[in-house]
Amino acid sequence: IAKSIANIPGTMVIFDYHDEYRFLQGENINFVQAQINPRLLTSDKFGEVIEIRENADIQNTILLKAYDNDDLKKKIGNDFWEELEKNVKDISFREKRFASSADRVIDKIKEARRRFDSILIPNASDPVSQIREGCINIINLIEFTEKQANVAISFYLESILYQRKLSKSQSFKSNFENTDQILFHSPVIVVIEEAHVFMPKTENTDTKYIASKVAREGRKFGVGLIIVSQ
């Protein structure tokens, strides 16, 4: 299917969790190493990415206070991480009862920087902008944990649907001057490999929520969805 779409050429996005598409050859193939820009996430999603447990209420509260900060969102590169750690330390200093939990949050931040420095990029551009129209875009997720991949897939998928809605709405308007904002002027087919991992039958996940939205609404906006599962 991918090779046939490449010959059109059409636009396809394949989320490759096990690096199975690295040998796909032909014209119009675009390999993308998935990245997460933490500045674009909500605090709860960032907490999932750096692997703070969902039931660690105090740690998540500290992260929320430290993360939802306008000055932090303006920082890039190492400045982002240093500002985040500073914010957590400030909370620990002001609220002594949170000191031990704040220390654990800082440990999680340091560990995430060490383990995931190639995928957590605070100065990265919008990851969706790496997807090229008229290409088979292979988004490599092999370095991601399941939770990180789930956050990344849902982010990409939601952004693709939004972009197609934007394109569709502007096609009915004349004299639209900001066409550069639109990334996808033609339909997009999305393939979620290993879908049983990200859309399990008995569990609600971000990917499952957005994918079900695409299944309901995608056709009218030109977003197709292929689910590959065991």
C-alpha atoms as a PDB file:
ATOM      1  CA  ILE A   1       0.000   0.000   0.000  1.00  0.00           C
ATOM      2  CA  ALA A   2       2.800   2.386   0.941  1.00  0.00           C
ATOM      3  CA  LYS A   3       4.657   1.796  -2.329  1.00  0.00           C
ATOM      4  CA  SER A   4       1.482   2.348  -4.351  1.00  0.00           C
ATOM      5  CA  ILE A   5       0.767   5.624  -2.570  1.00  0.00           C
ATOM      6  CA  ALA A   6       4.385   6.707  -3.121  1.00  0.00           C
ATOM      7  CA  ASN A   7       3.863   6.301  -6.867  1.00  0.00           C
ATOM      8  CA  ILE A   8       0.913   8.719  -6.960  1.00  0.00           C
ATOM      9  CA  PRO A   9       2.570  10.507  -5.059  1.00  0.00           C
ATOM     10  CA  GLY A  10       0.326  10.715  -2.026  1.00  0.00           C
ATOM     11  CA  THR A  11       0.965  11.463   1.634  1.00  0.00           C
ATOM     12  CA  MET A  12       1.221   8.680   4.199  1.00  0.00           C
ATOM     13  CA  VAL A  13       2.456   8.739   7.785  1.00  0.00           C
ATOM     14  CA  ILE A  14       3.563   5.426   9.321  1.00  0.00           C
ATOM     15  CA  PHE A  15       4.298   5.176  13.032  1.00  0.00           C
ATOM     16  CA  ASP A  16       7.049   2.557  13.141  1.00  0.00           C
ATOM     17  CA  TYR A  17       7.509   1.341  16.709  1.00  0.00           C
ATOM     18  CA  HIS A  18       9.839  -1.580  15.938  1.00  0.00           C
ATOM     19  CA  ASP A  19      11.921  -0.029  13.153  1.00  0.00           C
ATOM     20  CA  GLU A  20      10.438  -2.444  10.593  1.00  0.00           C
ATOM     21  CA  TYR A  21      10.287   0.018   7.720  1.00  0.00           C
ATOM     22  CA  ARG A  22      13.936   1.035   7.608  1.00  0.00           C
ATOM     23  CA  PHE A  23      14.480  -1.017   4.448  1.00  0.00           C
ATOM     24  CA  LEU A  24      11.544   0.478   2.529  1.00  0.00           C
ATOM     25  CA  GLN A  25      13.003   1.729  -0.732  1.00  0.00           C
ATOM     26  CA  GLY A  26      11.813   3.835  -3.633  1.00  0.00           C
ATOM     27  CA  GLU A  27      11.115   7.426  -4.428  1.00  0.00           C
ATOM     28  CA  ASN A  28       9.258   9.767  -2.108  1.00  0.00           C
ATOM     29  CA  ILE A  29      10.297   8.031   1.132  1.00  0.00           C
ATOM     30  CA  ASN A  30      10.949  10.349   4.066  1.00  0.00           C
ATOM     31  CA  PHE A  31      12.462   8.871   7.230  1.00  0.00           C
ATOM     32  CA  VAL A  32      11.780  10.911  10.367  1.00  0.00           C
ATOM     33  CA  GLN A  33      13.253  10.339  13.812  1.00  0.00           C
ATOM     34  CA  ALA A  34      10.404  11.152  16.166  1.00  0.00           C
ATOM     35  CA  GLN A  35      11.069  13.831  18.747  1.00  0.00           C
ATOM     36  CA  ILE A  36       9.114  15.342  21.591  1.00  0.00           C
ATOM     37  CA  ASN A  37       9.386  19.022  22.370  1.00  0.00           C
ATOM     38  CA  PRO A  38       8.510  19.133  26.090  1.00  0.00           C
ATOM     39  CA  ARG A  39       7.540  22.795  25.793  1.00  0.00           C
ATOM     40  CA  LEU A  40       4.577  21.756  23.618  1.00  0.00           C
ATOM     41  CA  LEU A  41       3.150  19.298  26.153  1.00  0.00           C
ATOM     42  CA  THR A  42       0.827  19.738  29.098  1.00  0.00           C
ATOM     43  CA  SER A  43       2.327  19.012  32.498  1.00  0.00           C
ATOM     44  CA  ASP A  44       0.516  15.672  32.880  1.00  0.00           C
ATOM     45  CA  LYS A  45       1.773  14.464  29.494  1.00  0.00           C
ATOM     46  CA  PHE A  46       5.282  15.650  30.337  1.00  0.00           C
ATOM     47  CA  GLY A  47       5.007  13.713  33.601  1.00  0.00           C
ATOM     48  CA  GLU A  48       4.207  10.555  31.602  1.00  0.00           C
ATOM     49  CA  VAL A  49       7.169  11.178  29.306  1.00  0.00           C
ATOM     50  CA  ILE A  50       9.667  11.464  32.177  1.00  0.00           C
ATOM     51  CA  GLU A  51       7.991   8.471  33.835  1.00  0.00           C
ATOM     52  CA  ILE A  52       6.476   9.934  36.963  1.00  0.00           C
ATOM     53  CA  ARG A  53       3.872   7.436  38.139  1.00  0.00           C
ATOM     54  CA  GLU A  54       0.253   8.414  37.667  1.00  0.00           C
ATOM     55  CA  ASN A  55      -0.549   7.692  41.330  1.00  0.00           C
ATOM     56  CA  ALA A  56       2.400   9.783  42.609  1.00  0.00           C
ATOM     57  CA  ASP A  57       0.059  12.656  43.409  1.00  0.00           C
ATOM     58  CA  ILE A  58       2.499  14.902  45.253  1.00  0.00           C
ATOM     59  CA  GLN A  59       5.187  14.549  42.577  1.00  0.00           C
ATOM     60  CA  ASN A  60       2.676  15.338  39.845  1.00  0.00           C
ATOM     61  CA  THR A  61       1.433  18.372  41.790  1.00  0.00           C
ATOM     62  CA  ILE A  62       4.998  19.660  42.135  1.00  0.00           C
ATOM     63  CA  LEU A  63       5.636  19.126  38.434  1.00  0.00           C
ATOM     64  CA  LEU A  64       2.417  20.959  37.571  1.00  0.00           C
ATOM     65  CA  LYS A  65       3.458  23.984  39.623  1.00  0.00           C
ATOM     66  CA  ALA A  66       6.992  23.961  38.234  1.00  0.00           C
ATOM     67  CA  TYR A  67       6.002  23.289  34.630  1.00  0.00           C
ATOM     68  CA  ASP A  68       3.062  25.631  34.099  1.00  0.00           C
ATOM     69  CA  ASN A  69       5.263  28.682  34.049  1.00  0.00           C
ATOM     70  CA  ASP A  70       5.393  31.230  31.221  1.00  0.00           C
ATOM     71  CA  ASP A  71       9.110  31.895  31.713  1.00  0.00           C
ATOM     72  CA  LEU A  72       9.869  28.174  31.463  1.00  0.00           C
ATOM     73  CA  LYS A  73       8.026  27.813  28.146  1.00  0.00           C
ATOM     74  CA  LYS A  74      10.287  30.509  26.652  1.00  0.00           C
ATOM     75  CA  LYS A  75      13.477  28.634  27.526  1.00  0.00           C
ATOM     76  CA  ILE A  76      15.145  26.324  25.015  1.00  0.00           C
ATOM     77  CA  GLY A  77      17.970  23.792  25.139  1.00  0.00           C
ATOM     78  CA  ASN A  78      19.716  23.314  28.475  1.00  0.00           C
ATOM     79  CA  ASP A  79      18.132  26.521  29.769  1.00  0.00           C
ATOM     80  CA  PHE A  80      14.754  24.773  29.740  1.00  0.00           C
ATOM     81  CA  TRP A  81      15.963  21.914  31.922  1.00  0.00           C
ATOM     82  CA  GLU A  82      17.866  24.173  34.288  1.00  0.00           C
ATOM     83  CA  GLU A  83      14.859  26.475  34.691  1.00  0.00           C
ATOM     84  CA  LEU A  84      12.605  23.478  35.347  1.00  0.00           C
ATOM     85  CA  GLU A  85      14.923  22.138  38.039  1.00  0.00           C
ATOM     86  CA  LYS A  86      15.157  25.618  39.558  1.00  0.00           C
ATOM     87  CA  ASN A  87      11.362  25.854  39.716  1.00  0.00           C
ATOM     88  CA  VAL A  88      11.133  22.499  41.495  1.00  0.00           C
ATOM     89  CA  LYS A  89      13.821  23.543  44.004  1.00  0.00           C
ATOM     90  CA  ASP A  90      11.959  26.811  44.654  1.00  0.00           C
ATOM     91  CA  ILE A  91       8.820  24.829  45.485  1.00  0.00           C
ATOM     92  CA  SER A  92      10.827  22.591  47.796  1.00  0.00           C
ATOM     93  CA  PHE A  93      12.252  25.656  49.547  1.00  0.00           C
ATOM     94  CA  ARG A  94       8.853  27.348  49.963  1.00  0.00           C
ATOM     95  CA  GLU A  95       6.939  24.215  50.976  1.00  0.00           C
ATOM     96  CA  LYS A  96       9.195  22.136  53.215  1.00  0.00           C
ATOM     97  CA  ARG A  97       6.688  19.271  53.449  1.00  0.00           C
ATOM     98  CA  PHE A  98       7.230  18.640  49.727  1.00  0.00           C
ATOM     99  CA  ALA A  99      11.036  18.493  49.976  1.00  0.00           C
ATOM    100  CA  SER A 100      11.496  14.729  49.613  1.00  0.00           C
ATOM    101  CA  SER A 101       8.963  14.497  46.784  1.00  0.00           C
ATOM    102  CA  ALA A 102      10.620  17.449  45.043  1.00  0.00           C
ATOM    103  CA  ASP A 103      13.957  15.648  45.234  1.00  0.00           C
ATOM    104  CA  ARG A 104      12.399  12.646  43.499  1.00  0.00           C
ATOM    105  CA  VAL A 105      10.985  14.891  40.762  1.00  0.00           C
ATOM    106  CA  ILE A 106      14.450  16.362  40.178  1.00  0.00           C
ATOM    107  CA  ASP A 107      15.875  12.823  39.996  1.00  0.00           C
ATOM    108  CA  LYS A 108      13.268  11.963  37.345  1.00  0.00           C
ATOM    109  CA  ILE A 109      14.138  15.083  35.340  1.00  0.00           C
ATOM    110  CA  LYS A 110      17.879  14.323  35.474  1.00  0.00           C
ATOM    111  CA  GLU A 111      17.305  10.693  34.519  1.00  0.00           C
ATOM    112  CA  ALA A 112      15.088  11.698  31.579  1.00  0.00           C
ATOM    113  CA  ARG A 113      17.750  14.126  30.350  1.00  0.00           C
ATOM    114  CA  ARG A 114      20.360  11.370  30.505  1.00  0.00           C
ATOM    115  CA  ARG A 115      18.307   8.534  28.979  1.00  0.00           C
ATOM    116  CA  PHE A 116      16.226  10.433  26.453  1.00  0.00           C
ATOM    117  CA  ASP A 117      18.467  13.275  25.325  1.00  0.00           C
ATOM    118  CA  SER A 118      18.009  12.298  21.662  1.00  0.00           C
ATOM    119  CA  ILE A 119      14.211  12.434  21.732  1.00  0.00           C
ATOM    120  CA  LEU A 120      13.369  15.145  24.295  1.00  0.00           C
ATOM    121  CA  ILE A 121      14.413  18.307  22.473  1.00  0.00           C
ATOM    122  CA  PRO A 122      13.215  21.604  24.019  1.00  0.00           C
ATOM    123  CA  ASN A 123      14.416  23.664  21.039  1.00  0.00           C
ATOM    124  CA  ALA A 124      12.975  21.349  18.375  1.00  0.00           C
ATOM    125  CA  SER A 125      10.565  22.803  15.865  1.00  0.00           C
ATOM    126  CA  ASP A 126       7.027  21.471  15.728  1.00  0.00           C
ATOM    127  CA  PRO A 127       7.674  17.747  15.053  1.00  0.00           C
ATOM    128  CA  VAL A 128       4.778  17.606  12.584  1.00  0.00           C
ATOM    129  CA  SER A 129       6.579  20.073  10.315  1.00  0.00           C
ATOM    130  CA  GLN A 130       9.079  17.297   9.469  1.00  0.00           C
ATOM    131  CA  ILE A 131       6.336  15.398   7.639  1.00  0.00           C
ATOM    132  CA  ARG A 132       6.483  16.035   3.883  1.00  0.00           C
ATOM    133  CA  GLU A 133       3.554  16.101   1.517  1.00  0.00           C
ATOM    134  CA  GLY A 134       3.672  13.651  -1.360  1.00  0.00           C
ATOM    135  CA  CYS A 135       5.889  11.259   0.618  1.00  0.00           C
ATOM    136  CA  ILE A 136       5.695   8.089   2.659  1.00  0.00           C
ATOM    137  CA  ASN A 137       6.801   9.428   6.027  1.00  0.00           C
ATOM    138  CA  ILE A 138       8.249   6.755   8.319  1.00  0.00           C
ATOM    139  CA  ILE A 139       8.241   8.071  11.880  1.00  0.00           C
ATOM    140  CA  ASN A 140      10.724   6.004  13.872  1.00  0.00           C
ATOM    141  CA  LEU A 141       9.707   5.423  17.502  1.00  0.00           C
ATOM    142  CA  ILE A 142      12.155   2.662  18.400  1.00  0.00           C
ATOM    143  CA  GLU A 143      13.916   4.728  21.099  1.00  0.00           C
ATOM    144  CA  PHE A 144      10.622   5.538  22.837  1.00  0.00           C
ATOM    145  CA  THR A 145       9.061   3.762  25.786  1.00  0.00           C
ATOM    146  CA  GLU A 146       5.424   2.743  25.346  1.00  0.00           C
ATOM    147  CA  LYS A 147       4.194   5.772  27.291  1.00  0.00           C
ATOM    148  CA  GLN A 148       6.420   8.152  25.357  1.00  0.00           C
ATOM    149  CA  ALA A 149       5.356   6.639  22.035  1.00  0.00           C
ATOM    150  CA  ASN A 150       1.719   6.929  23.061  1.00  0.00           C
ATOM    151  CA  VAL A 151       2.143  10.623  23.850  1.00  0.00           C
ATOM    152  CA  ALA A 152       4.033  11.190  20.591  1.00  0.00           C
ATOM    153  CA  ILE A 153       1.549   9.342  18.356  1.00  0.00           C
ATOM    154  CA  SER A 154      -1.446  11.125  19.851  1.00  0.00           C
ATOM    155  CA  PHE A 155       0.329  14.481  19.418  1.00  0.00           C
ATOM    156  CA  TYR A 156       1.166  13.821  15.765  1.00  0.00           C
ATOM    157  CA  LEU A 157      -2.280  12.407  15.024  1.00  0.00           C
ATOM    158  CA  GLU A 158      -4.141  15.296  16.613  1.00  0.00           C
ATOM    159  CA  SER A 159      -1.928  17.811  14.772  1.00  0.00           C
ATOM    160  CA  ILE A 160      -2.473  16.095  11.414  1.00  0.00           C
ATOM    161  CA  LEU A 161      -6.251  16.152  11.887  1.00  0.00           C
ATOM    162  CA  TYR A 162      -6.100  19.820  12.912  1.00  0.00           C
ATOM    163  CA  GLN A 163      -4.007  20.698   9.860  1.00  0.00           C
ATOM    164  CA  ARG A 164      -6.440  18.949   7.528  1.00  0.00           C
ATOM    165  CA  LYS A 165      -9.376  20.752   9.165  1.00  0.00           C
ATOM    166  CA  LEU A 166      -7.485  24.016   8.679  1.00  0.00           C
ATOM    167  CA  SER A 167      -6.829  23.225   5.023  1.00  0.00           C
ATOM    168  CA  LYS A 168     -10.437  22.220   4.430  1.00  0.00           C
ATOM    169  CA  SER A 169     -11.859  25.337   6.071  1.00  0.00           C
ATOM    170  CA  GLN A 170      -9.559  27.665   4.141  1.00  0.00           C
ATOM    171  CA  SER A 171     -10.397  26.028   0.815  1.00  0.00           C
ATOM    172  CA  PHE A 172     -13.828  27.648   1.105  1.00  0.00           C
ATOM    173  CA  LYS A 173     -12.416  31.106   1.789  1.00  0.00           C
ATOM    174  CA  SER A 174     -10.993  33.477  -0.765  1.00  0.00           C
ATOM    175  CA  ASN A 175      -8.017  35.807  -0.363  1.00  0.00           C
ATOM    176  CA  PHE A 176      -6.516  33.719   2.406  1.00  0.00           C
ATOM    177  CA  GLU A 177      -3.036  35.117   2.926  1.00  0.00           C
ATOM    178  CA  ASN A 178      -1.593  32.719   5.506  1.00  0.00           C
ATOM    179  CA  THR A 179      -1.389  29.532   3.454  1.00  0.00           C
ATOM    180  CA  ASP A 180       2.098  28.921   4.869  1.00  0.00           C
ATOM    181  CA  GLN A 181       0.383  27.848   8.090  1.00  0.00           C
ATOM    182  CA  ILE A 182      -1.105  24.829   6.309  1.00  0.00           C
ATOM    183  CA  LEU A 183       1.169  21.781   6.207  1.00  0.00           C
ATOM    184  CA  PHE A 184      -1.102  19.376   4.336  1.00  0.00           C
ATOM    185  CA  HIS A 185      -3.046  20.610   1.318  1.00  0.00           C
ATOM    186  CA  SER A 186      -4.060  17.092   0.235  1.00  0.00           C
ATOM    187  CA  PRO A 187      -5.389  13.997   2.061  1.00  0.00           C
ATOM    188  CA  VAL A 188      -3.189  12.092   4.509  1.00  0.00           C
ATOM    189  CA  ILE A 189      -3.295   8.378   5.360  1.00  0.00           C
ATOM    190  CA  VAL A 190      -1.991   7.465   8.804  1.00  0.00           C
ATOM    191  CA  VAL A 191      -0.783   3.962   9.726  1.00  0.00           C
ATOM    192  CA  ILE A 192      -0.480   2.940  13.370  1.00  0.00           C
ATOM    193  CA  GLU A 193       1.690  -0.167  13.654  1.00  0.00           C
ATOM    194  CA  GLU A 194       1.506  -2.329  16.796  1.00  0.00           C
ATOM    195  CA  ALA A 195      -1.873  -0.769  17.493  1.00  0.00           C
ATOM    196  CA  HIS A 196      -2.621  -3.290  20.249  1.00  0.00           C
ATOM    197  CA  VAL A 197       0.106  -1.555  22.290  1.00  0.00           C
ATOM    198  CA  PHE A 198      -1.282   1.967  21.875  1.00  0.00           C
ATOM    199  CA  MET A 199      -5.005   1.217  21.527  1.00  0.00           C
ATOM    200  CA  PRO A 200      -5.653  -1.758  23.827  1.00  0.00           C
ATOM    201  CA  LYS A 201      -9.213  -3.011  24.044  1.00  0.00           C
ATOM    202  CA  THR A 202      -9.445  -2.794  27.836  1.00  0.00           C
ATOM    203  CA  GLU A 203      -7.629   0.503  28.432  1.00  0.00           C
ATOM    204  CA  ASN A 204      -8.191   4.125  27.481  1.00  0.00           C
ATOM    205  CA  THR A 205      -5.126   5.876  26.052  1.00  0.00           C
ATOM    206  CA  ASP A 206      -4.484   9.197  24.346  1.00  0.00           C
ATOM    207  CA  THR A 207      -3.809   7.470  21.032  1.00  0.00           C
ATOM    208  CA  LYS A 208      -7.022   5.469  21.313  1.00  0.00           C
ATOM    209  CA  TYR A 209      -9.028   8.636  21.982  1.00  0.00           C
ATOM    210  CA  ILE A 210      -7.576  10.592  19.048  1.00  0.00           C
ATOM    211  CA  ALA A 211      -7.689   7.585  16.696  1.00  0.00           C
ATOM    212  CA  SER A 212     -11.383   7.076  17.446  1.00  0.00           C
ATOM    213  CA  LYS A 213     -11.922  10.763  16.677  1.00  0.00           C
ATOM    214  CA  VAL A 214     -10.136  10.329  13.334  1.00  0.00           C
ATOM    215  CA  ALA A 215     -12.264   7.238  12.632  1.00  0.00           C
ATOM    216  CA  ARG A 216     -15.424   9.303  13.219  1.00  0.00           C
ATOM    217  CA  GLU A 217     -14.412  12.607  11.615  1.00  0.00           C
ATOM    218  CA  GLY A 218     -11.355  11.984   9.458  1.00  0.00           C
ATOM    219  CA  ARG A 219     -13.078  11.089   6.189  1.00  0.00           C
ATOM    220  CA  LYS A 220     -14.720  14.479   5.734  1.00  0.00           C
ATOM    221  CA  PHE A 221     -11.373  16.221   6.287  1.00  0.00           C
ATOM    222  CA  GLY A 222      -9.209  13.860   4.232  1.00  0.00           C
ATOM    223  CA  VAL A 223      -7.507  11.870   6.984  1.00  0.00           C
ATOM    224  CA  GLY A 224      -7.482   8.094   6.542  1.00  0.00           C
ATOM    225  CA  LEU A 225      -6.511   5.615   9.243  1.00  0.00           C
ATOM    226  CA  ILE A 226      -4.980   2.140   8.927  1.00  0.00           C
ATOM    227  CA  ILE A 227      -4.583   0.105  12.117  1.00  0.00           C
ATOM    228  CA  VAL A 228      -2.116  -2.782  12.135  1.00  0.00           C
ATOM    229  CA  SER A 229      -2.556  -5.074  15.111  1.00  0.00           C
ATOM    230  CA  GLN A 230      -1.869  -8.603  16.282  1.00  0.00           C
END
